[in-house]
Amino acid sequence: MRSEEEVVRAMDAYGDTVRRLCLVRLKSREDTEDIFQTVFLKYLQHTKPFANAEHEKAWFIQVTLNACRDLLRFWVRHTTVPLEALAVRADEDLKQKTLDALERRQTRSAPRRRPLAVAFAALALVVLTTAGGLAYTTPAAAVSVDADASVELAVNAFGRVVGVRCYDDDAQAVVDATPVLHHTWTQAAAALSDALSETDGATVTVSADSGHCERLLSDGGAAGLTCYALDPETAQAARDAGLSLGKYRAYLALSALDPTVTQADAGEMTMGELQQCIDACQGHGYGYGQQDSEQTQTAGETTSAGQGYGGHHGQGHGYGHE
């Protein structure tokens, strides 16, 4: 069992987030206080160590969402409200009440808990020990948004963003100013596309198992996004190369036309610059002759499994508005 000092620290660090999540989903201050105390009671009883602060924060978010879902008995079906936009804080009075409640539970020799609170705690425990409770925080797909900078989103099976990777400082600055965690991936990709490029918009590339990937492409098209697909094996090669999915797709297309281009070269270029090089190669801008025309055709054929790149840029699995 954790100490009171640990609980106080956790309340200071995550109390605001827990309360905001409860208010967004429950719309009731009374229910929010009840769930708030339930969450920190579970933390008091949770003895397994956390890998790091991000792991601990993810645990609080997951337990809070599960507790709210147990109370409501259905998933919330309205547009997600960014937590940072709510002027809601866990005040000192609520924190003190929770500490008092925890102390009473610890000191009573024969504690008597309200039946409703016991039921909620039992339900939360069942959910936490099943795959369903972990599904929300488990990535099922990757989506990269590439323009002047590159951002990669980890997307869960419900289409929500549960992780963000920035490939440079410019991308980090954009993400800091554009909250995307727990939004739908189409909302996040659209917002990042606008923020990352002031002119032509961004390229969106998705990677997941075939069935899930088709659904993502369809959702992206319905949201007005132009999307490309990358198979999981090629996506892993992109990560090994330190490139985003979109940049690696463009690198494959360019290297098929100009074998002298390296992965390091691609990493130094923006998506706009990569596309300009591809267009120049296809238009013989580098002085290539008939032999390179044949190479372009071959590149389109040999990279067709990548879906959307090669000698036919913008075709294949491109969805959305032309």
C-alpha atoms as a PDB file:
ATOM      1  CA  MET A   1       0.000   0.000   0.000  1.00  0.00           C
ATOM      2  CA  ARG A   2       1.312   3.452  -0.863  1.00  0.00           C
ATOM      3  CA  SER A   3       2.106   6.151   1.693  1.00  0.00           C
ATOM      4  CA  GLU A   4       0.109   9.327   2.256  1.00  0.00           C
ATOM      5  CA  GLU A   5       3.016  11.351   0.860  1.00  0.00           C
ATOM      6  CA  GLU A   6       2.797   9.431  -2.419  1.00  0.00           C
ATOM      7  CA  VAL A   7      -0.954  10.018  -2.632  1.00  0.00           C
ATOM      8  CA  VAL A   8      -0.511  13.766  -1.968  1.00  0.00           C
ATOM      9  CA  ARG A   9       2.134  13.969  -4.697  1.00  0.00           C
ATOM     10  CA  ALA A  10      -0.087  12.112  -7.146  1.00  0.00           C
ATOM     11  CA  MET A  11      -3.037  14.410  -6.385  1.00  0.00           C
ATOM     12  CA  ASP A  12      -0.909  17.466  -7.048  1.00  0.00           C
ATOM     13  CA  ALA A  13       0.397  15.960 -10.296  1.00  0.00           C
ATOM     14  CA  TYR A  14      -2.741  14.326 -11.716  1.00  0.00           C
ATOM     15  CA  GLY A  15      -5.718  15.571  -9.679  1.00  0.00           C
ATOM     16  CA  ASP A  16      -6.645  18.263 -12.220  1.00  0.00           C
ATOM     17  CA  THR A  17      -6.543  15.781 -15.100  1.00  0.00           C
ATOM     18  CA  VAL A  18      -8.675  13.219 -13.228  1.00  0.00           C
ATOM     19  CA  ARG A  19     -11.294  15.811 -12.299  1.00  0.00           C
ATOM     20  CA  ARG A  20     -11.482  17.248 -15.821  1.00  0.00           C
ATOM     21  CA  LEU A  21     -11.949  13.807 -17.321  1.00  0.00           C
ATOM     22  CA  CYS A  22     -14.753  13.070 -14.859  1.00  0.00           C
ATOM     23  CA  LEU A  23     -16.547  16.369 -15.463  1.00  0.00           C
ATOM     24  CA  VAL A  24     -16.335  15.992 -19.246  1.00  0.00           C
ATOM     25  CA  ARG A  25     -17.839  12.512 -19.135  1.00  0.00           C
ATOM     26  CA  LEU A  26     -20.177  12.645 -16.131  1.00  0.00           C
ATOM     27  CA  LYS A  27     -21.355  16.286 -16.193  1.00  0.00           C
ATOM     28  CA  SER A  28     -21.983  16.008 -12.441  1.00  0.00           C
ATOM     29  CA  ARG A  29     -19.872  17.432  -9.629  1.00  0.00           C
ATOM     30  CA  GLU A  30     -21.220  14.890  -7.125  1.00  0.00           C
ATOM     31  CA  ASP A  31     -20.371  11.918  -9.350  1.00  0.00           C
ATOM     32  CA  THR A  32     -17.023  13.522 -10.153  1.00  0.00           C
ATOM     33  CA  GLU A  33     -16.063  13.679  -6.471  1.00  0.00           C
ATOM     34  CA  ASP A  34     -17.140  10.055  -6.004  1.00  0.00           C
ATOM     35  CA  ILE A  35     -15.019   8.837  -8.936  1.00  0.00           C
ATOM     36  CA  PHE A  36     -12.125  11.099  -7.892  1.00  0.00           C
ATOM     37  CA  GLN A  37     -11.978   9.360  -4.519  1.00  0.00           C
ATOM     38  CA  THR A  38     -12.361   5.915  -6.137  1.00  0.00           C
ATOM     39  CA  VAL A  39      -9.415   6.578  -8.475  1.00  0.00           C
ATOM     40  CA  PHE A  40      -7.058   7.685  -5.700  1.00  0.00           C
ATOM     41  CA  LEU A  41      -8.191   4.820  -3.476  1.00  0.00           C
ATOM     42  CA  LYS A  42      -7.117   2.443  -6.254  1.00  0.00           C
ATOM     43  CA  TYR A  43      -3.799   4.325  -6.451  1.00  0.00           C
ATOM     44  CA  LEU A  44      -3.344   3.894  -2.691  1.00  0.00           C
ATOM     45  CA  GLN A  45      -3.860   0.142  -3.080  1.00  0.00           C
ATOM     46  CA  HIS A  46      -1.816  -0.174  -6.292  1.00  0.00           C
ATOM     47  CA  THR A  47       1.618  -1.504  -5.322  1.00  0.00           C
ATOM     48  CA  LYS A  48       3.229  -2.222  -8.681  1.00  0.00           C
ATOM     49  CA  PRO A  49       5.912   0.336  -9.640  1.00  0.00           C
ATOM     50  CA  PHE A  50       5.507   2.547 -12.710  1.00  0.00           C
ATOM     51  CA  ALA A  51       8.179   2.668 -15.395  1.00  0.00           C
ATOM     52  CA  ASN A  52       8.168   6.486 -15.507  1.00  0.00           C
ATOM     53  CA  ALA A  53       5.949   9.548 -15.073  1.00  0.00           C
ATOM     54  CA  GLU A  54       4.280   9.025 -18.461  1.00  0.00           C
ATOM     55  CA  HIS A  55       3.392   5.456 -17.479  1.00  0.00           C
ATOM     56  CA  GLU A  56       1.918   6.689 -14.198  1.00  0.00           C
ATOM     57  CA  LYS A  57      -0.105   9.419 -15.943  1.00  0.00           C
ATOM     58  CA  ALA A  58      -1.433   6.915 -18.479  1.00  0.00           C
ATOM     59  CA  TRP A  59      -2.503   4.670 -15.595  1.00  0.00           C
ATOM     60  CA  PHE A  60      -4.504   7.502 -14.004  1.00  0.00           C
ATOM     61  CA  ILE A  61      -6.193   8.351 -17.312  1.00  0.00           C
ATOM     62  CA  GLN A  62      -7.062   4.716 -17.969  1.00  0.00           C
ATOM     63  CA  VAL A  63      -8.445   4.068 -14.476  1.00  0.00           C
ATOM     64  CA  THR A  64     -10.478   7.289 -14.582  1.00  0.00           C
ATOM     65  CA  LEU A  65     -11.971   6.489 -17.982  1.00  0.00           C
ATOM     66  CA  ASN A  66     -12.847   2.971 -16.857  1.00  0.00           C
ATOM     67  CA  ALA A  67     -14.505   4.222 -13.671  1.00  0.00           C
ATOM     68  CA  CYS A  68     -16.578   6.766 -15.600  1.00  0.00           C
ATOM     69  CA  ARG A  69     -17.548   4.142 -18.153  1.00  0.00           C
ATOM     70  CA  ASP A  70     -18.672   1.784 -15.392  1.00  0.00           C
ATOM     71  CA  LEU A  71     -20.883   4.519 -13.996  1.00  0.00           C
ATOM     72  CA  LEU A  72     -22.426   5.590 -17.293  1.00  0.00           C
ATOM     73  CA  ARG A  73     -22.551   2.076 -18.817  1.00  0.00           C
ATOM     74  CA  PHE A  74     -21.908   3.358 -22.321  1.00  0.00           C
ATOM     75  CA  TRP A  75     -19.241   5.206 -24.297  1.00  0.00           C
ATOM     76  CA  VAL A  76     -19.609   8.939 -24.530  1.00  0.00           C
ATOM     77  CA  ARG A  77     -20.820   9.857 -28.045  1.00  0.00           C
ATOM     78  CA  HIS A  78     -20.115  13.599 -28.228  1.00  0.00           C
ATOM     79  CA  THR A  79     -17.119  15.435 -29.597  1.00  0.00           C
ATOM     80  CA  THR A  80     -14.121  15.275 -27.325  1.00  0.00           C
ATOM     81  CA  VAL A  81     -13.437  18.513 -25.457  1.00  0.00           C
ATOM     82  CA  PRO A  82      -9.713  19.246 -25.015  1.00  0.00           C
ATOM     83  CA  LEU A  83      -8.922  18.858 -21.311  1.00  0.00           C
ATOM     84  CA  GLU A  84      -6.628  21.878 -21.380  1.00  0.00           C
ATOM     85  CA  ALA A  85      -9.487  24.093 -22.543  1.00  0.00           C
ATOM     86  CA  LEU A  86     -11.539  23.552 -19.378  1.00  0.00           C
ATOM     87  CA  ALA A  87     -11.057  26.011 -16.528  1.00  0.00           C
ATOM     88  CA  VAL A  88     -11.423  23.225 -13.983  1.00  0.00           C
ATOM     89  CA  ARG A  89      -9.012  22.419 -11.193  1.00  0.00           C
ATOM     90  CA  ALA A  90      -8.974  19.959  -8.332  1.00  0.00           C
ATOM     91  CA  ASP A  91      -9.265  22.385  -5.427  1.00  0.00           C
ATOM     92  CA  GLU A  92      -7.589  21.904  -2.065  1.00  0.00           C
ATOM     93  CA  ASP A  93     -10.921  21.152  -0.369  1.00  0.00           C
ATOM     94  CA  LEU A  94     -11.519  18.154  -2.641  1.00  0.00           C
ATOM     95  CA  LYS A  95      -7.968  16.915  -2.104  1.00  0.00           C
ATOM     96  CA  GLN A  96      -8.345  17.208   1.675  1.00  0.00           C
ATOM     97  CA  LYS A  97     -11.690  15.388   1.620  1.00  0.00           C
ATOM     98  CA  THR A  98     -10.092  12.563  -0.342  1.00  0.00           C
ATOM     99  CA  LEU A  99      -7.169  12.326   2.087  1.00  0.00           C
ATOM    100  CA  ASP A 100      -9.609  12.258   5.015  1.00  0.00           C
ATOM    101  CA  ALA A 101     -11.625   9.503   3.354  1.00  0.00           C
ATOM    102  CA  LEU A 102      -8.482   7.461   2.661  1.00  0.00           C
ATOM    103  CA  GLU A 103      -7.321   7.895   6.260  1.00  0.00           C
ATOM    104  CA  ARG A 104     -10.688   6.717   7.585  1.00  0.00           C
ATOM    105  CA  ARG A 105     -10.519   3.637   5.376  1.00  0.00           C
ATOM    106  CA  GLN A 106      -7.033   2.801   6.656  1.00  0.00           C
ATOM    107  CA  THR A 107      -7.719   3.307  10.365  1.00  0.00           C
ATOM    108  CA  ARG A 108     -11.098   1.600  10.706  1.00  0.00           C
ATOM    109  CA  SER A 109     -10.715  -1.963  12.014  1.00  0.00           C
ATOM    110  CA  ALA A 110     -13.858  -3.180  10.239  1.00  0.00           C
ATOM    111  CA  PRO A 111     -14.405  -0.776   7.353  1.00  0.00           C
ATOM    112  CA  ARG A 112     -17.924  -0.494   5.994  1.00  0.00           C
ATOM    113  CA  ARG A 113     -18.030   0.653   2.415  1.00  0.00           C
ATOM    114  CA  ARG A 114     -21.041   1.861   0.546  1.00  0.00           C
ATOM    115  CA  PRO A 115     -22.417  -0.895  -1.705  1.00  0.00           C
ATOM    116  CA  LEU A 116     -22.279   1.393  -4.738  1.00  0.00           C
ATOM    117  CA  ALA A 117     -18.613   2.265  -4.177  1.00  0.00           C
ATOM    118  CA  VAL A 118     -17.754  -1.431  -3.688  1.00  0.00           C
ATOM    119  CA  ALA A 119     -19.556  -2.324  -6.906  1.00  0.00           C
ATOM    120  CA  PHE A 120     -17.697   0.349  -8.849  1.00  0.00           C
ATOM    121  CA  ALA A 121     -14.337  -0.757  -7.433  1.00  0.00           C
ATOM    122  CA  ALA A 122     -15.077  -4.384  -8.347  1.00  0.00           C
ATOM    123  CA  LEU A 123     -16.132  -3.438 -11.865  1.00  0.00           C
ATOM    124  CA  ALA A 124     -13.006  -1.331 -12.342  1.00  0.00           C
ATOM    125  CA  LEU A 125     -10.841  -4.249 -11.176  1.00  0.00           C
ATOM    126  CA  VAL A 126     -12.515  -6.600 -13.674  1.00  0.00           C
ATOM    127  CA  VAL A 127     -12.030  -4.123 -16.499  1.00  0.00           C
ATOM    128  CA  LEU A 128      -8.393  -3.557 -15.611  1.00  0.00           C
ATOM    129  CA  THR A 129      -7.666  -7.290 -15.742  1.00  0.00           C
ATOM    130  CA  THR A 130      -9.179  -7.785 -19.202  1.00  0.00           C
ATOM    131  CA  ALA A 131      -7.928  -6.895 -22.646  1.00  0.00           C
ATOM    132  CA  GLY A 132     -10.766  -4.418 -23.045  1.00  0.00           C
ATOM    133  CA  GLY A 133      -9.421  -2.234 -20.274  1.00  0.00           C
ATOM    134  CA  LEU A 134      -6.043  -2.015 -21.990  1.00  0.00           C
ATOM    135  CA  ALA A 135      -7.422  -1.487 -25.486  1.00  0.00           C
ATOM    136  CA  TYR A 136      -7.717   2.272 -25.118  1.00  0.00           C
ATOM    137  CA  THR A 137      -4.022   2.836 -24.425  1.00  0.00           C
ATOM    138  CA  THR A 138      -2.752   0.202 -26.892  1.00  0.00           C
ATOM    139  CA  PRO A 139      -1.708   1.566 -30.326  1.00  0.00           C
ATOM    140  CA  ALA A 140      -3.291  -0.278 -33.249  1.00  0.00           C
ATOM    141  CA  ALA A 141      -2.088   1.963 -36.091  1.00  0.00           C
ATOM    142  CA  ALA A 142       0.363   4.735 -36.937  1.00  0.00           C
ATOM    143  CA  VAL A 143      -0.426   7.938 -38.819  1.00  0.00           C
ATOM    144  CA  SER A 144       2.227  10.415 -39.936  1.00  0.00           C
ATOM    145  CA  VAL A 145       1.514  14.004 -40.930  1.00  0.00           C
ATOM    146  CA  ASP A 146       4.350  15.498 -42.980  1.00  0.00           C
ATOM    147  CA  ALA A 147       4.917  18.982 -44.400  1.00  0.00           C
ATOM    148  CA  ASP A 148       7.541  21.495 -43.246  1.00  0.00           C
ATOM    149  CA  ALA A 149       7.927  19.221 -40.190  1.00  0.00           C
ATOM    150  CA  SER A 150       6.844  15.672 -39.352  1.00  0.00           C
ATOM    151  CA  VAL A 151       4.608  14.293 -36.600  1.00  0.00           C
ATOM    152  CA  GLU A 152       3.630  10.644 -36.089  1.00  0.00           C
ATOM    153  CA  LEU A 153       0.491   9.682 -34.167  1.00  0.00           C
ATOM    154  CA  ALA A 154      -0.145   6.394 -32.356  1.00  0.00           C
ATOM    155  CA  VAL A 155      -3.836   5.538 -32.845  1.00  0.00           C
ATOM    156  CA  ASN A 156      -5.801   2.983 -30.829  1.00  0.00           C
ATOM    157  CA  ALA A 157      -8.494   0.593 -32.055  1.00  0.00           C
ATOM    158  CA  PHE A 158     -11.164   3.241 -31.388  1.00  0.00           C
ATOM    159  CA  GLY A 159      -9.528   5.780 -33.696  1.00  0.00           C
ATOM    160  CA  ARG A 160      -8.227   7.938 -30.819  1.00  0.00           C
ATOM    161  CA  VAL A 161      -4.710   9.376 -30.550  1.00  0.00           C
ATOM    162  CA  VAL A 162      -2.867   7.800 -27.607  1.00  0.00           C
ATOM    163  CA  GLY A 163       0.705   8.816 -28.446  1.00  0.00           C
ATOM    164  CA  VAL A 164       2.656  11.477 -30.355  1.00  0.00           C
ATOM    165  CA  ARG A 165       6.176  11.415 -31.805  1.00  0.00           C
ATOM    166  CA  CYS A 166       7.847  14.587 -33.075  1.00  0.00           C
ATOM    167  CA  TYR A 167      10.772  14.297 -35.482  1.00  0.00           C
ATOM    168  CA  ASP A 168      12.234  17.758 -34.861  1.00  0.00           C
ATOM    169  CA  ASP A 169      11.891  20.863 -32.693  1.00  0.00           C
ATOM    170  CA  ASP A 170       9.538  22.557 -35.155  1.00  0.00           C
ATOM    171  CA  ALA A 171       7.157  19.608 -34.942  1.00  0.00           C
ATOM    172  CA  GLN A 172       7.336  19.682 -31.136  1.00  0.00           C
ATOM    173  CA  ALA A 173       6.440  23.369 -31.107  1.00  0.00           C
ATOM    174  CA  VAL A 174       3.407  22.677 -33.296  1.00  0.00           C
ATOM    175  CA  VAL A 175       2.241  19.802 -31.078  1.00  0.00           C
ATOM    176  CA  ASP A 176       2.673  21.939 -27.957  1.00  0.00           C
ATOM    177  CA  ALA A 177       0.339  24.517 -29.501  1.00  0.00           C
ATOM    178  CA  THR A 178      -2.073  21.964 -31.003  1.00  0.00           C
ATOM    179  CA  PRO A 179      -3.286  19.412 -28.413  1.00  0.00           C
ATOM    180  CA  VAL A 180      -4.102  16.109 -30.140  1.00  0.00           C
ATOM    181  CA  LEU A 181      -4.028  13.399 -27.449  1.00  0.00           C
ATOM    182  CA  HIS A 182      -7.375  11.587 -27.059  1.00  0.00           C
ATOM    183  CA  HIS A 183      -8.852  13.340 -30.100  1.00  0.00           C
ATOM    184  CA  THR A 184      -9.993  11.295 -33.084  1.00  0.00           C
ATOM    185  CA  TRP A 185      -7.098  10.759 -35.457  1.00  0.00           C
ATOM    186  CA  THR A 186      -8.884  12.573 -38.296  1.00  0.00           C
ATOM    187  CA  GLN A 187      -9.396  15.648 -36.106  1.00  0.00           C
ATOM    188  CA  ALA A 188      -5.757  15.523 -35.029  1.00  0.00           C
ATOM    189  CA  ALA A 189      -4.424  15.025 -38.574  1.00  0.00           C
ATOM    190  CA  ALA A 190      -6.534  17.895 -39.935  1.00  0.00           C
ATOM    191  CA  ALA A 191      -5.396  20.248 -37.171  1.00  0.00           C
ATOM    192  CA  LEU A 192      -1.733  19.284 -37.619  1.00  0.00           C
ATOM    193  CA  SER A 193      -1.991  19.572 -41.400  1.00  0.00           C
ATOM    194  CA  ASP A 194      -3.130  23.185 -41.057  1.00  0.00           C
ATOM    195  CA  ALA A 195      -0.475  23.956 -38.447  1.00  0.00           C
ATOM    196  CA  LEU A 196       2.485  22.271 -40.171  1.00  0.00           C
ATOM    197  CA  SER A 197       2.090  23.888 -43.590  1.00  0.00           C
ATOM    198  CA  GLU A 198       0.990  27.371 -44.522  1.00  0.00           C
ATOM    199  CA  THR A 199       0.609  26.626 -48.245  1.00  0.00           C
ATOM    200  CA  ASP A 200      -0.141  23.241 -49.793  1.00  0.00           C
ATOM    201  CA  GLY A 201      -1.183  21.316 -46.698  1.00  0.00           C
ATOM    202  CA  ALA A 202       0.417  18.134 -45.401  1.00  0.00           C
ATOM    203  CA  THR A 203       0.738  14.541 -46.569  1.00  0.00           C
ATOM    204  CA  VAL A 204      -0.986  11.955 -44.385  1.00  0.00           C
ATOM    205  CA  THR A 205       0.311   8.370 -44.355  1.00  0.00           C
ATOM    206  CA  VAL A 206      -1.312   5.530 -42.406  1.00  0.00           C
ATOM    207  CA  SER A 207      -0.001   2.100 -41.448  1.00  0.00           C
ATOM    208  CA  ALA A 208      -1.920  -0.786 -39.852  1.00  0.00           C
ATOM    209  CA  ASP A 209      -3.039  -4.323 -40.557  1.00  0.00           C
ATOM    210  CA  SER A 210      -4.872  -4.535 -43.876  1.00  0.00           C
ATOM    211  CA  GLY A 211      -8.465  -4.485 -42.608  1.00  0.00           C
ATOM    212  CA  HIS A 212      -7.839  -1.703 -40.119  1.00  0.00           C
ATOM    213  CA  CYS A 213      -5.826   0.260 -42.663  1.00  0.00           C
ATOM    214  CA  GLU A 214      -8.712   0.260 -45.142  1.00  0.00           C
ATOM    215  CA  ARG A 215     -11.020   1.653 -42.457  1.00  0.00           C
ATOM    216  CA  LEU A 216      -8.524   4.390 -41.629  1.00  0.00           C
ATOM    217  CA  LEU A 217      -8.197   5.349 -45.287  1.00  0.00           C
ATOM    218  CA  SER A 218     -11.961   5.471 -45.639  1.00  0.00           C
ATOM    219  CA  ASP A 219     -12.328   7.612 -42.506  1.00  0.00           C
ATOM    220  CA  GLY A 220      -9.582   9.927 -43.727  1.00  0.00           C
ATOM    221  CA  GLY A 221     -11.267  10.354 -47.093  1.00  0.00           C
ATOM    222  CA  ALA A 222     -14.604  11.114 -45.434  1.00  0.00           C
ATOM    223  CA  ALA A 223     -12.843  13.796 -43.365  1.00  0.00           C
ATOM    224  CA  GLY A 224     -11.409  15.430 -46.504  1.00  0.00           C
ATOM    225  CA  LEU A 225      -7.845  14.170 -45.976  1.00  0.00           C
ATOM    226  CA  THR A 226      -5.650  12.847 -48.788  1.00  0.00           C
ATOM    227  CA  CYS A 227      -4.141   9.692 -47.330  1.00  0.00           C
ATOM    228  CA  TYR A 228      -1.610   7.075 -48.421  1.00  0.00           C
ATOM    229  CA  ALA A 229      -1.046   3.590 -47.026  1.00  0.00           C
ATOM    230  CA  LEU A 230       2.186   1.942 -45.923  1.00  0.00           C
ATOM    231  CA  ASP A 231       2.346  -1.727 -44.964  1.00  0.00           C
ATOM    232  CA  PRO A 232       3.568  -2.555 -41.426  1.00  0.00           C
ATOM    233  CA  GLU A 233       6.860  -4.075 -42.632  1.00  0.00           C
ATOM    234  CA  THR A 234       7.768  -0.919 -44.560  1.00  0.00           C
ATOM    235  CA  ALA A 235       6.608   1.200 -41.623  1.00  0.00           C
ATOM    236  CA  GLN A 236       9.073  -0.643 -39.380  1.00  0.00           C
ATOM    237  CA  ALA A 237      11.830   0.033 -41.915  1.00  0.00           C
ATOM    238  CA  ALA A 238      10.915   3.733 -41.721  1.00  0.00           C
ATOM    239  CA  ARG A 239      11.292   3.712 -37.942  1.00  0.00           C
ATOM    240  CA  ASP A 240      14.605   1.881 -38.210  1.00  0.00           C
ATOM    241  CA  ALA A 241      15.756   4.617 -40.588  1.00  0.00           C
ATOM    242  CA  GLY A 242      14.597   7.363 -38.231  1.00  0.00           C
ATOM    243  CA  LEU A 243      12.140   8.724 -40.792  1.00  0.00           C
ATOM    244  CA  SER A 244       8.422   9.360 -40.535  1.00  0.00           C
ATOM    245  CA  LEU A 245       6.097   7.144 -42.590  1.00  0.00           C
ATOM    246  CA  GLY A 246       5.440   9.895 -45.126  1.00  0.00           C
ATOM    247  CA  LYS A 247       9.079  10.825 -45.567  1.00  0.00           C
ATOM    248  CA  TYR A 248      10.120   7.197 -45.952  1.00  0.00           C
ATOM    249  CA  ARG A 249       7.431   6.675 -48.593  1.00  0.00           C
ATOM    250  CA  ALA A 250       8.739   9.721 -50.464  1.00  0.00           C
ATOM    251  CA  TYR A 251      12.335   8.521 -50.010  1.00  0.00           C
ATOM    252  CA  LEU A 252      11.483   5.165 -51.623  1.00  0.00           C
ATOM    253  CA  ALA A 253       9.876   6.946 -54.562  1.00  0.00           C
ATOM    254  CA  LEU A 254      12.846   9.318 -55.001  1.00  0.00           C
ATOM    255  CA  SER A 255      15.562   6.684 -54.551  1.00  0.00           C
ATOM    256  CA  ALA A 256      13.900   4.544 -57.221  1.00  0.00           C
ATOM    257  CA  LEU A 257      14.361   7.491 -59.607  1.00  0.00           C
ATOM    258  CA  ASP A 258      17.713   8.714 -58.281  1.00  0.00           C
ATOM    259  CA  PRO A 259      19.704   5.931 -56.532  1.00  0.00           C
ATOM    260  CA  THR A 260      22.262   8.446 -55.224  1.00  0.00           C
ATOM    261  CA  VAL A 261      19.754   9.834 -52.724  1.00  0.00           C
ATOM    262  CA  THR A 262      20.328   8.525 -49.190  1.00  0.00           C
ATOM    263  CA  GLN A 263      18.041   8.219 -46.195  1.00  0.00           C
ATOM    264  CA  ALA A 264      20.070  10.952 -44.501  1.00  0.00           C
ATOM    265  CA  ASP A 265      19.395  13.238 -47.480  1.00  0.00           C
ATOM    266  CA  ALA A 266      15.677  12.577 -47.165  1.00  0.00           C
ATOM    267  CA  GLY A 267      15.770  13.288 -43.456  1.00  0.00           C
ATOM    268  CA  GLU A 268      17.192  16.745 -44.116  1.00  0.00           C
ATOM    269  CA  MET A 269      14.457  17.676 -46.609  1.00  0.00           C
ATOM    270  CA  THR A 270      10.876  18.748 -46.056  1.00  0.00           C
ATOM    271  CA  MET A 271       8.060  16.876 -47.787  1.00  0.00           C
ATOM    272  CA  GLY A 272       7.722  19.750 -50.234  1.00  0.00           C
ATOM    273  CA  GLU A 273      11.397  19.511 -51.171  1.00  0.00           C
ATOM    274  CA  LEU A 274      11.180  15.727 -51.554  1.00  0.00           C
ATOM    275  CA  GLN A 275       8.190  16.082 -53.863  1.00  0.00           C
ATOM    276  CA  GLN A 276       9.992  18.718 -55.929  1.00  0.00           C
ATOM    277  CA  CYS A 277      12.895  16.286 -56.401  1.00  0.00           C
ATOM    278  CA  ILE A 278      10.486  13.499 -57.407  1.00  0.00           C
ATOM    279  CA  ASP A 279       8.755  15.797 -59.907  1.00  0.00           C
ATOM    280  CA  ALA A 280      12.125  16.900 -61.317  1.00  0.00           C
ATOM    281  CA  CYS A 281      13.244  13.299 -61.784  1.00  0.00           C
ATOM    282  CA  GLN A 282       9.990  12.327 -63.467  1.00  0.00           C
ATOM    283  CA  GLY A 283      10.301  15.340 -65.769  1.00  0.00           C
ATOM    284  CA  HIS A 284      13.997  14.537 -66.494  1.00  0.00           C
ATOM    285  CA  GLY A 285      14.995  17.638 -64.588  1.00  0.00           C
ATOM    286  CA  TYR A 286      18.298  15.978 -63.673  1.00  0.00           C
ATOM    287  CA  GLY A 287      19.229  15.283 -67.303  1.00  0.00           C
ATOM    288  CA  TYR A 288      18.116  11.669 -67.363  1.00  0.00           C
ATOM    289  CA  GLY A 289      17.339  10.191 -70.755  1.00  0.00           C
ATOM    290  CA  GLN A 290      15.293   7.267 -72.050  1.00  0.00           C
ATOM    291  CA  GLN A 291      16.950   4.862 -69.677  1.00  0.00           C
ATOM    292  CA  ASP A 292      15.566   6.826 -66.717  1.00  0.00           C
ATOM    293  CA  SER A 293      12.120   6.840 -68.261  1.00  0.00           C
ATOM    294  CA  GLU A 294      12.231   3.069 -68.137  1.00  0.00           C
ATOM    295  CA  GLN A 295      13.497   3.223 -64.560  1.00  0.00           C
ATOM    296  CA  THR A 296      10.540   5.387 -63.537  1.00  0.00           C
ATOM    297  CA  GLN A 297       8.112   2.838 -64.913  1.00  0.00           C
ATOM    298  CA  THR A 298       9.949   0.036 -63.163  1.00  0.00           C
ATOM    299  CA  ALA A 299       9.948   1.974 -59.903  1.00  0.00           C
ATOM    300  CA  GLY A 300       6.193   2.401 -60.131  1.00  0.00           C
ATOM    301  CA  GLU A 301       5.772  -1.338 -60.639  1.00  0.00           C
ATOM    302  CA  THR A 302       8.201  -2.528 -58.003  1.00  0.00           C
ATOM    303  CA  THR A 303       6.904  -0.179 -55.301  1.00  0.00           C
ATOM    304  CA  SER A 304       3.215  -0.724 -55.985  1.00  0.00           C
ATOM    305  CA  ALA A 305       2.993  -2.817 -52.807  1.00  0.00           C
ATOM    306  CA  GLY A 306       3.686   0.386 -50.887  1.00  0.00           C
ATOM    307  CA  GLN A 307       0.355   1.729 -52.186  1.00  0.00           C
ATOM    308  CA  GLY A 308       0.499   5.223 -53.515  1.00  0.00           C
ATOM    309  CA  TYR A 309       4.137   6.055 -54.231  1.00  0.00           C
ATOM    310  CA  GLY A 310       6.564   5.486 -57.081  1.00  0.00           C
ATOM    311  CA  GLY A 311       5.994   6.590 -60.655  1.00  0.00           C
ATOM    312  CA  HIS A 312       2.313   7.331 -60.069  1.00  0.00           C
ATOM    313  CA  HIS A 313       2.360   9.775 -57.187  1.00  0.00           C
ATOM    314  CA  GLY A 314      -1.062  10.718 -55.866  1.00  0.00           C
ATOM    315  CA  GLN A 315      -2.743   7.600 -57.240  1.00  0.00           C
ATOM    316  CA  GLY A 316      -3.170   4.170 -55.735  1.00  0.00           C
ATOM    317  CA  HIS A 317      -4.543   4.605 -52.236  1.00  0.00           C
ATOM    318  CA  GLY A 318      -4.926   8.380 -52.229  1.00  0.00           C
ATOM    319  CA  TYR A 319      -8.247   9.341 -50.623  1.00  0.00           C
ATOM    320  CA  GLY A 320     -10.010  12.685 -50.196  1.00  0.00           C
ATOM    321  CA  HIS A 321     -10.181  15.733 -52.393  1.00  0.00           C
ATOM    322  CA  GLU A 322      -7.899  16.038 -55.359  1.00  0.00           C
END
